[in-house]
Amino acid sequence: LRCLPGVRVTVADRAWWRGQGRRRPRLHQVRQT
C-alpha cells in the first residue's frame, strides 16, 4: 500500500489519537470528519 504513488497512510489507532491530544472518539462519524 505504501508503495503506491500518492498514497498517505496514517495508522489512527488509540496511541495516535493520544498523540493528537485527545481521546479516540467513540463514534466512527466523528473520527471520519
ModelCIF file with pLDDT and N, C-alpha, C, O atoms, coordinates in Angstrom:
data_MODEL
#
_entry.id   MODEL 
#
_entity.id                         1 
_entity.type                       polymer 
_entity.pdbx_number_of_molecules   1 
#
_entity_poly.entity_id                      1 
_entity_poly.type                           'polypeptide(L)' 
_entity_poly.nstd_linkage                   no 
_entity_poly.nstd_monomer                   no 
_entity_poly.pdbx_seq_one_letter_code       LRCLPGVRVTVADRAWWRGQGRRRPRLHQVRQT 
_entity_poly.pdbx_seq_one_letter_code_can   LRCLPGVRVTVADRAWWRGQGRRRPRLHQVRQT 
_entity_poly.pdbx_strand_id                 A 
#
loop_
_entity_poly_seq.entity_id 
_entity_poly_seq.num 
_entity_poly_seq.mon_id 
_entity_poly_seq.hetero 
1 1  LEU n 
1 2  ARG n 
1 3  CYS n 
1 4  LEU n 
1 5  PRO n 
1 6  GLY n 
1 7  VAL n 
1 8  ARG n 
1 9  VAL n 
1 10 THR n 
1 11 VAL n 
1 12 ALA n 
1 13 ASP n 
1 14 ARG n 
1 15 ALA n 
1 16 TRP n 
1 17 TRP n 
1 18 ARG n 
1 19 GLY n 
1 20 GLN n 
1 21 GLY n 
1 22 ARG n 
1 23 ARG n 
1 24 ARG n 
1 25 PRO n 
1 26 ARG n 
1 27 LEU n 
1 28 HIS n 
1 29 GLN n 
1 30 VAL n 
1 31 ARG n 
1 32 GLN n 
1 33 THR n 
#
_struct_asym.id          A 
_struct_asym.entity_id   1 
#
loop_
_ma_qa_metric.id 
_ma_qa_metric.mode 
_ma_qa_metric.name 
_ma_qa_metric.software_group_id 
_ma_qa_metric.type 
1 global pLDDT . pLDDT 
2 local  pLDDT . pLDDT 
#
_ma_qa_metric_global.metric_id      1 
_ma_qa_metric_global.metric_value   92.06 
_ma_qa_metric_global.model_id       1 
_ma_qa_metric_global.ordinal_id     1 
#
loop_
_ma_qa_metric_local.label_asym_id 
_ma_qa_metric_local.label_comp_id 
_ma_qa_metric_local.label_seq_id 
_ma_qa_metric_local.metric_id 
_ma_qa_metric_local.metric_value 
_ma_qa_metric_local.model_id 
_ma_qa_metric_local.ordinal_id 
A LEU 1  2 94.00 1 1  
A ARG 2  2 93.00 1 2  
A CYS 3  2 93.00 1 3  
A LEU 4  2 96.00 1 4  
A PRO 5  2 94.00 1 5  
A GLY 6  2 96.00 1 6  
A VAL 7  2 98.00 1 7  
A ARG 8  2 97.00 1 8  
A VAL 9  2 96.00 1 9  
A THR 10 2 95.00 1 10 
A VAL 11 2 93.00 1 11 
A ALA 12 2 93.00 1 12 
A ASP 13 2 89.00 1 13 
A ARG 14 2 88.00 1 14 
A ALA 15 2 89.00 1 15 
A TRP 16 2 91.00 1 16 
A TRP 17 2 93.00 1 17 
A ARG 18 2 92.00 1 18 
A GLY 19 2 90.00 1 19 
A GLN 20 2 87.00 1 20 
A GLY 21 2 90.00 1 21 
A ARG 22 2 91.00 1 22 
A ARG 23 2 92.00 1 23 
A ARG 24 2 93.00 1 24 
A PRO 25 2 92.00 1 25 
A ARG 26 2 87.00 1 26 
A LEU 27 2 85.00 1 27 
A HIS 28 2 88.00 1 28 
A GLN 29 2 89.00 1 29 
A VAL 30 2 91.00 1 30 
A ARG 31 2 94.00 1 31 
A GLN 32 2 95.00 1 32 
A THR 33 2 94.00 1 33 
#
loop_
_atom_site.group_PDB 
_atom_site.id 
_atom_site.type_symbol 
_atom_site.label_atom_id 
_atom_site.label_alt_id 
_atom_site.label_comp_id 
_atom_site.label_asym_id 
_atom_site.label_entity_id 
_atom_site.label_seq_id 
_atom_site.pdbx_PDB_ins_code 
_atom_site.Cartn_x 
_atom_site.Cartn_y 
_atom_site.Cartn_z 
_atom_site.occupancy 
_atom_site.B_iso_or_equiv 
_atom_site.pdbx_formal_charge 
_atom_site.auth_seq_id 
_atom_site.auth_comp_id 
_atom_site.auth_asym_id 
_atom_site.auth_atom_id 
_atom_site.pdbx_PDB_model_num 
ATOM 1   N N  . LEU A 1 1  ? 0.826   -1.200 0.000  1.00 94.00 ? 1  LEU A N  1 
ATOM 2   C CA . LEU A 1 1  ? 0.000   0.000  0.000  1.00 94.00 ? 1  LEU A CA 1 
ATOM 3   C C  . LEU A 1 1  ? 0.862   1.252  0.000  1.00 94.00 ? 1  LEU A C  1 
ATOM 4   O O  . LEU A 1 1  ? 0.594   2.205  -0.731 1.00 94.00 ? 1  LEU A O  1 
ATOM 5   N N  . ARG A 1 2  ? 1.901   1.239  0.830  1.00 93.00 ? 2  ARG A N  1 
ATOM 6   C CA . ARG A 1 2  ? 2.784   2.407  0.920  1.00 93.00 ? 2  ARG A CA 1 
ATOM 7   C C  . ARG A 1 2  ? 3.603   2.592  -0.357 1.00 93.00 ? 2  ARG A C  1 
ATOM 8   O O  . ARG A 1 2  ? 4.128   3.679  -0.601 1.00 93.00 ? 2  ARG A O  1 
ATOM 9   N N  . CYS A 1 3  ? 3.718   1.546  -1.170 1.00 93.00 ? 3  CYS A N  1 
ATOM 10  C CA . CYS A 1 3  ? 4.459   1.656  -2.437 1.00 93.00 ? 3  CYS A CA 1 
ATOM 11  C C  . CYS A 1 3  ? 3.674   2.396  -3.508 1.00 93.00 ? 3  CYS A C  1 
ATOM 12  O O  . CYS A 1 3  ? 4.251   2.871  -4.486 1.00 93.00 ? 3  CYS A O  1 
ATOM 13  N N  . LEU A 1 4  ? 2.379   2.496  -3.333 1.00 96.00 ? 4  LEU A N  1 
ATOM 14  C CA . LEU A 1 4  ? 1.557   3.129  -4.362 1.00 96.00 ? 4  LEU A CA 1 
ATOM 15  C C  . LEU A 1 4  ? 1.809   4.634  -4.374 1.00 96.00 ? 4  LEU A C  1 
ATOM 16  O O  . LEU A 1 4  ? 1.844   5.259  -3.314 1.00 96.00 ? 4  LEU A O  1 
ATOM 17  N N  . PRO A 1 5  ? 1.986   5.223  -5.552 1.00 94.00 ? 5  PRO A N  1 
ATOM 18  C CA . PRO A 1 5  ? 2.293   6.662  -5.626 1.00 94.00 ? 5  PRO A CA 1 
ATOM 19  C C  . PRO A 1 5  ? 1.117   7.503  -5.152 1.00 94.00 ? 5  PRO A C  1 
ATOM 20  O O  . PRO A 1 5  ? -0.023  7.284  -5.564 1.00 94.00 ? 5  PRO A O  1 
ATOM 21  N N  . GLY A 1 6  ? 1.404   8.468  -4.282 1.00 96.00 ? 6  GLY A N  1 
ATOM 22  C CA . GLY A 1 6  ? 0.357   9.379  -3.823 1.00 96.00 ? 6  GLY A CA 1 
ATOM 23  C C  . GLY A 1 6  ? -0.428  8.902  -2.631 1.00 96.00 ? 6  GLY A C  1 
ATOM 24  O O  . GLY A 1 6  ? -1.295  9.623  -2.139 1.00 96.00 ? 6  GLY A O  1 
ATOM 25  N N  . VAL A 1 7  ? -0.145  7.685  -2.143 1.00 98.00 ? 7  VAL A N  1 
ATOM 26  C CA . VAL A 1 7  ? -0.890  7.160  -1.006 1.00 98.00 ? 7  VAL A CA 1 
ATOM 27  C C  . VAL A 1 7  ? -0.254  7.624  0.294  1.00 98.00 ? 7  VAL A C  1 
ATOM 28  O O  . VAL A 1 7  ? 0.954   7.484  0.488  1.00 98.00 ? 7  VAL A O  1 
ATOM 29  N N  . ARG A 1 8  ? -1.070  8.178  1.184  1.00 97.00 ? 8  ARG A N  1 
ATOM 30  C CA . ARG A 1 8  ? -0.633  8.606  2.511  1.00 97.00 ? 8  ARG A CA 1 
ATOM 31  C C  . ARG A 1 8  ? -1.371  7.760  3.539  1.00 97.00 ? 8  ARG A C  1 
ATOM 32  O O  . ARG A 1 8  ? -2.590  7.864  3.678  1.00 97.00 ? 8  ARG A O  1 
ATOM 33  N N  . VAL A 1 9  ? -0.632  6.923  4.258  1.00 96.00 ? 9  VAL A N  1 
ATOM 34  C CA . VAL A 1 9  ? -1.236  6.010  5.232  1.00 96.00 ? 9  VAL A CA 1 
ATOM 35  C C  . VAL A 1 9  ? -0.974  6.518  6.645  1.00 96.00 ? 9  VAL A C  1 
ATOM 36  O O  . VAL A 1 9  ? 0.170   6.770  7.022  1.00 96.00 ? 9  VAL A O  1 
ATOM 37  N N  . THR A 1 10 ? -2.040  6.666  7.418  1.00 95.00 ? 10 THR A N  1 
ATOM 38  C CA . THR A 1 10 ? -1.935  7.031  8.829  1.00 95.00 ? 10 THR A CA 1 
ATOM 39  C C  . THR A 1 10 ? -2.625  5.956  9.655  1.00 95.00 ? 10 THR A C  1 
ATOM 40  O O  . THR A 1 10 ? -3.827  5.738  9.503  1.00 95.00 ? 10 THR A O  1 
ATOM 41  N N  . VAL A 1 11 ? -1.891  5.287  10.520 1.00 93.00 ? 11 VAL A N  1 
ATOM 42  C CA . VAL A 1 11 ? -2.493  4.316  11.425 1.00 93.00 ? 11 VAL A CA 1 
ATOM 43  C C  . VAL A 1 11 ? -3.061  5.092  12.615 1.00 93.00 ? 11 VAL A C  1 
ATOM 44  O O  . VAL A 1 11 ? -2.344  5.436  13.555 1.00 93.00 ? 11 VAL A O  1 
ATOM 45  N N  . ALA A 1 12 ? -4.358  5.356  12.551 1.00 93.00 ? 12 ALA A N  1 
ATOM 46  C CA . ALA A 1 12 ? -5.013  6.223  13.544 1.00 93.00 ? 12 ALA A CA 1 
ATOM 47  C C  . ALA A 1 12 ? -5.600  5.376  14.662 1.00 93.00 ? 12 ALA A C  1 
ATOM 48  O O  . ALA A 1 12 ? -6.808  5.379  14.895 1.00 93.00 ? 12 ALA A O  1 
ATOM 49  N N  . ASP A 1 13 ? -4.720  4.649  15.353 1.00 89.00 ? 13 ASP A N  1 
ATOM 50  C CA . ASP A 1 13 ? -5.166  3.833  16.473 1.00 89.00 ? 13 ASP A CA 1 
ATOM 51  C C  . ASP A 1 13 ? -5.230  4.695  17.740 1.00 89.00 ? 13 ASP A C  1 
ATOM 52  O O  . ASP A 1 13 ? -5.059  5.913  17.682 1.00 89.00 ? 13 ASP A O  1 
ATOM 53  N N  . ARG A 1 14 ? -5.474  4.058  18.866 1.00 88.00 ? 14 ARG A N  1 
ATOM 54  C CA . ARG A 1 14 ? -5.640  4.831  20.113 1.00 88.00 ? 14 ARG A CA 1 
ATOM 55  C C  . ARG A 1 14 ? -4.379  5.610  20.473 1.00 88.00 ? 14 ARG A C  1 
ATOM 56  O O  . ARG A 1 14 ? -4.449  6.733  20.972 1.00 88.00 ? 14 ARG A O  1 
ATOM 57  N N  . ALA A 1 15 ? -3.223  4.996  20.213 1.00 89.00 ? 15 ALA A N  1 
ATOM 58  C CA . ALA A 1 15 ? -1.970  5.696  20.509 1.00 89.00 ? 15 ALA A CA 1 
ATOM 59  C C  . ALA A 1 15 ? -1.835  6.944  19.643 1.00 89.00 ? 15 ALA A C  1 
ATOM 60  O O  . ALA A 1 15 ? -1.368  7.982  20.112 1.00 89.00 ? 15 ALA A O  1 
ATOM 61  N N  . TRP A 1 16 ? -2.238  6.843  18.401 1.00 91.00 ? 16 TRP A N  1 
ATOM 62  C CA . TRP A 1 16 ? -2.162  8.005  17.508 1.00 91.00 ? 16 TRP A CA 1 
ATOM 63  C C  . TRP A 1 16 ? -3.081  9.122  18.006 1.00 91.00 ? 16 TRP A C  1 
ATOM 64  O O  . TRP A 1 16 ? -2.712  10.296 17.985 1.00 91.00 ? 16 TRP A O  1 
ATOM 65  N N  . TRP A 1 17 ? -4.274  8.746  18.451 1.00 93.00 ? 17 TRP A N  1 
ATOM 66  C CA . TRP A 1 17 ? -5.201  9.765  18.946 1.00 93.00 ? 17 TRP A CA 1 
ATOM 67  C C  . TRP A 1 17 ? -4.646  10.448 20.198 1.00 93.00 ? 17 TRP A C  1 
ATOM 68  O O  . TRP A 1 17 ? -4.813  11.653 20.384 1.00 93.00 ? 17 TRP A O  1 
ATOM 69  N N  . ARG A 1 18 ? -3.985  9.661  21.051 1.00 92.00 ? 18 ARG A N  1 
ATOM 70  C CA . ARG A 1 18 ? -3.378  10.286 22.232 1.00 92.00 ? 18 ARG A CA 1 
ATOM 71  C C  . ARG A 1 18 ? -2.322  11.298 21.802 1.00 92.00 ? 18 ARG A C  1 
ATOM 72  O O  . ARG A 1 18 ? -2.176  12.352 22.421 1.00 92.00 ? 18 ARG A O  1 
ATOM 73  N N  . GLY A 1 19 ? -1.592  10.976 20.743 1.00 90.00 ? 19 GLY A N  1 
ATOM 74  C CA . GLY A 1 19 ? -0.610  11.917 20.212 1.00 90.00 ? 19 GLY A CA 1 
ATOM 75  C C  . GLY A 1 19 ? -1.238  13.177 19.659 1.00 90.00 ? 19 GLY A C  1 
ATOM 76  O O  . GLY A 1 19 ? -0.580  14.212 19.561 1.00 90.00 ? 19 GLY A O  1 
ATOM 77  N N  . GLN A 1 20 ? -2.533  13.095 19.290 1.00 87.00 ? 20 GLN A N  1 
ATOM 78  C CA . GLN A 1 20 ? -3.265  14.269 18.820 1.00 87.00 ? 20 GLN A CA 1 
ATOM 79  C C  . GLN A 1 20 ? -3.807  15.099 19.980 1.00 87.00 ? 20 GLN A C  1 
ATOM 80  O O  . GLN A 1 20 ? -4.425  16.144 19.777 1.00 87.00 ? 20 GLN A O  1 
ATOM 81  N N  . GLY A 1 21 ? -3.564  14.616 21.205 1.00 90.00 ? 21 GLY A N  1 
ATOM 82  C CA . GLY A 1 21 ? -4.011  15.360 22.378 1.00 90.00 ? 21 GLY A CA 1 
ATOM 83  C C  . GLY A 1 21 ? -5.463  15.156 22.722 1.00 90.00 ? 21 GLY A C  1 
ATOM 84  O O  . GLY A 1 21 ? -6.073  16.007 23.370 1.00 90.00 ? 21 GLY A O  1 
ATOM 85  N N  . ARG A 1 22 ? -6.034  14.033 22.296 1.00 91.00 ? 22 ARG A N  1 
ATOM 86  C CA . ARG A 1 22 ? -7.439  13.783 22.613 1.00 91.00 ? 22 ARG A CA 1 
ATOM 87  C C  . ARG A 1 22 ? -7.700  12.280 22.635 1.00 91.00 ? 22 ARG A C  1 
ATOM 88  O O  . ARG A 1 22 ? -6.925  11.483 22.105 1.00 91.00 ? 22 ARG A O  1 
ATOM 89  N N  . ARG A 1 23 ? -8.818  11.920 23.267 1.00 92.00 ? 23 ARG A N  1 
ATOM 90  C CA . ARG A 1 23 ? -9.223  10.522 23.255 1.00 92.00 ? 23 ARG A CA 1 
ATOM 91  C C  . ARG A 1 23 ? -9.738  10.149 21.864 1.00 92.00 ? 23 ARG A C  1 
ATOM 92  O O  . ARG A 1 23 ? -10.224 10.994 21.112 1.00 92.00 ? 23 ARG A O  1 
ATOM 93  N N  . ARG A 1 24 ? -9.618  8.881  21.553 1.00 93.00 ? 24 ARG A N  1 
ATOM 94  C CA . ARG A 1 24 ? -10.183 8.389  20.294 1.00 93.00 ? 24 ARG A CA 1 
ATOM 95  C C  . ARG A 1 24 ? -11.705 8.502  20.366 1.00 93.00 ? 24 ARG A C  1 
ATOM 96  O O  . ARG A 1 24 ? -12.318 7.897  21.244 1.00 93.00 ? 24 ARG A O  1 
ATOM 97  N N  . PRO A 1 25 ? -12.329 9.264  19.463 1.00 92.00 ? 25 PRO A N  1 
ATOM 98  C CA . PRO A 1 25 ? -13.786 9.404  19.504 1.00 92.00 ? 25 PRO A CA 1 
ATOM 99  C C  . PRO A 1 25 ? -14.476 8.057  19.327 1.00 92.00 ? 25 PRO A C  1 
ATOM 100 O O  . PRO A 1 25 ? -14.068 7.250  18.492 1.00 92.00 ? 25 PRO A O  1 
ATOM 101 N N  . ARG A 1 26 ? -15.511 7.819  20.105 1.00 87.00 ? 26 ARG A N  1 
ATOM 102 C CA . ARG A 1 26 ? -16.224 6.541  20.011 1.00 87.00 ? 26 ARG A CA 1 
ATOM 103 C C  . ARG A 1 26 ? -16.966 6.435  18.688 1.00 87.00 ? 26 ARG A C  1 
ATOM 104 O O  . ARG A 1 26 ? -16.965 5.373  18.065 1.00 87.00 ? 26 ARG A O  1 
ATOM 105 N N  . LEU A 1 27 ? -17.596 7.513  18.249 1.00 85.00 ? 27 LEU A N  1 
ATOM 106 C CA . LEU A 1 27 ? -18.388 7.474  17.020 1.00 85.00 ? 27 LEU A CA 1 
ATOM 107 C C  . LEU A 1 27 ? -17.484 7.494  15.791 1.00 85.00 ? 27 LEU A C  1 
ATOM 108 O O  . LEU A 1 27 ? -16.602 8.341  15.655 1.00 85.00 ? 27 LEU A O  1 
ATOM 109 N N  . HIS A 1 28 ? -17.731 6.536  14.902 1.00 88.00 ? 28 HIS A N  1 
ATOM 110 C CA . HIS A 1 28 ? -16.964 6.460  13.658 1.00 88.00 ? 28 HIS A CA 1 
ATOM 111 C C  . HIS A 1 28 ? -17.108 7.741  12.846 1.00 88.00 ? 28 HIS A C  1 
ATOM 112 O O  . HIS A 1 28 ? -16.146 8.200  12.230 1.00 88.00 ? 28 HIS A O  1 
ATOM 113 N N  . GLN A 1 29 ? -18.313 8.320  12.843 1.00 89.00 ? 29 GLN A N  1 
ATOM 114 C CA . GLN A 1 29 ? -18.534 9.532  12.052 1.00 89.00 ? 29 GLN A CA 1 
ATOM 115 C C  . GLN A 1 29 ? -17.670 10.694 12.535 1.00 89.00 ? 29 GLN A C  1 
ATOM 116 O O  . GLN A 1 29 ? -17.217 11.511 11.734 1.00 89.00 ? 29 GLN A O  1 
ATOM 117 N N  . VAL A 1 30 ? -17.444 10.766 13.849 1.00 91.00 ? 30 VAL A N  1 
ATOM 118 C CA . VAL A 1 30 ? -16.604 11.841 14.389 1.00 91.00 ? 30 VAL A CA 1 
ATOM 119 C C  . VAL A 1 30 ? -15.157 11.636 13.959 1.00 91.00 ? 30 VAL A C  1 
ATOM 120 O O  . VAL A 1 30 ? -14.470 12.591 13.595 1.00 91.00 ? 30 VAL A O  1 
ATOM 121 N N  . ARG A 1 31 ? -14.698 10.393 14.003 1.00 94.00 ? 31 ARG A N  1 
ATOM 122 C CA . ARG A 1 31 ? -13.337 10.111 13.539 1.00 94.00 ? 31 ARG A CA 1 
ATOM 123 C C  . ARG A 1 31 ? -13.211 10.430 12.053 1.00 94.00 ? 31 ARG A C  1 
ATOM 124 O O  . ARG A 1 31 ? -12.211 11.005 11.623 1.00 94.00 ? 31 ARG A O  1 
ATOM 125 N N  . GLN A 1 32 ? -14.213 10.062 11.275 1.00 95.00 ? 32 GLN A N  1 
ATOM 126 C CA . GLN A 1 32 ? -14.185 10.329 9.837  1.00 95.00 ? 32 GLN A CA 1 
ATOM 127 C C  . GLN A 1 32 ? -14.051 11.822 9.538  1.00 95.00 ? 32 GLN A C  1 
ATOM 128 O O  . GLN A 1 32 ? -13.191 12.229 8.757  1.00 95.00 ? 32 GLN A O  1 
ATOM 129 N N  . THR A 1 33 ? -14.897 12.628 10.157 1.00 94.00 ? 33 THR A N  1 
ATOM 130 C CA . THR A 1 33 ? -14.897 14.051 9.830  1.00 94.00 ? 33 THR A CA 1 
ATOM 131 C C  . THR A 1 33 ? -13.621 14.730 10.316 1.00 94.00 ? 33 THR A C  1 
ATOM 132 O O  . THR A 1 33 ? -13.452 15.935 10.124 1.00 94.00 ? 33 THR A O  1 
#
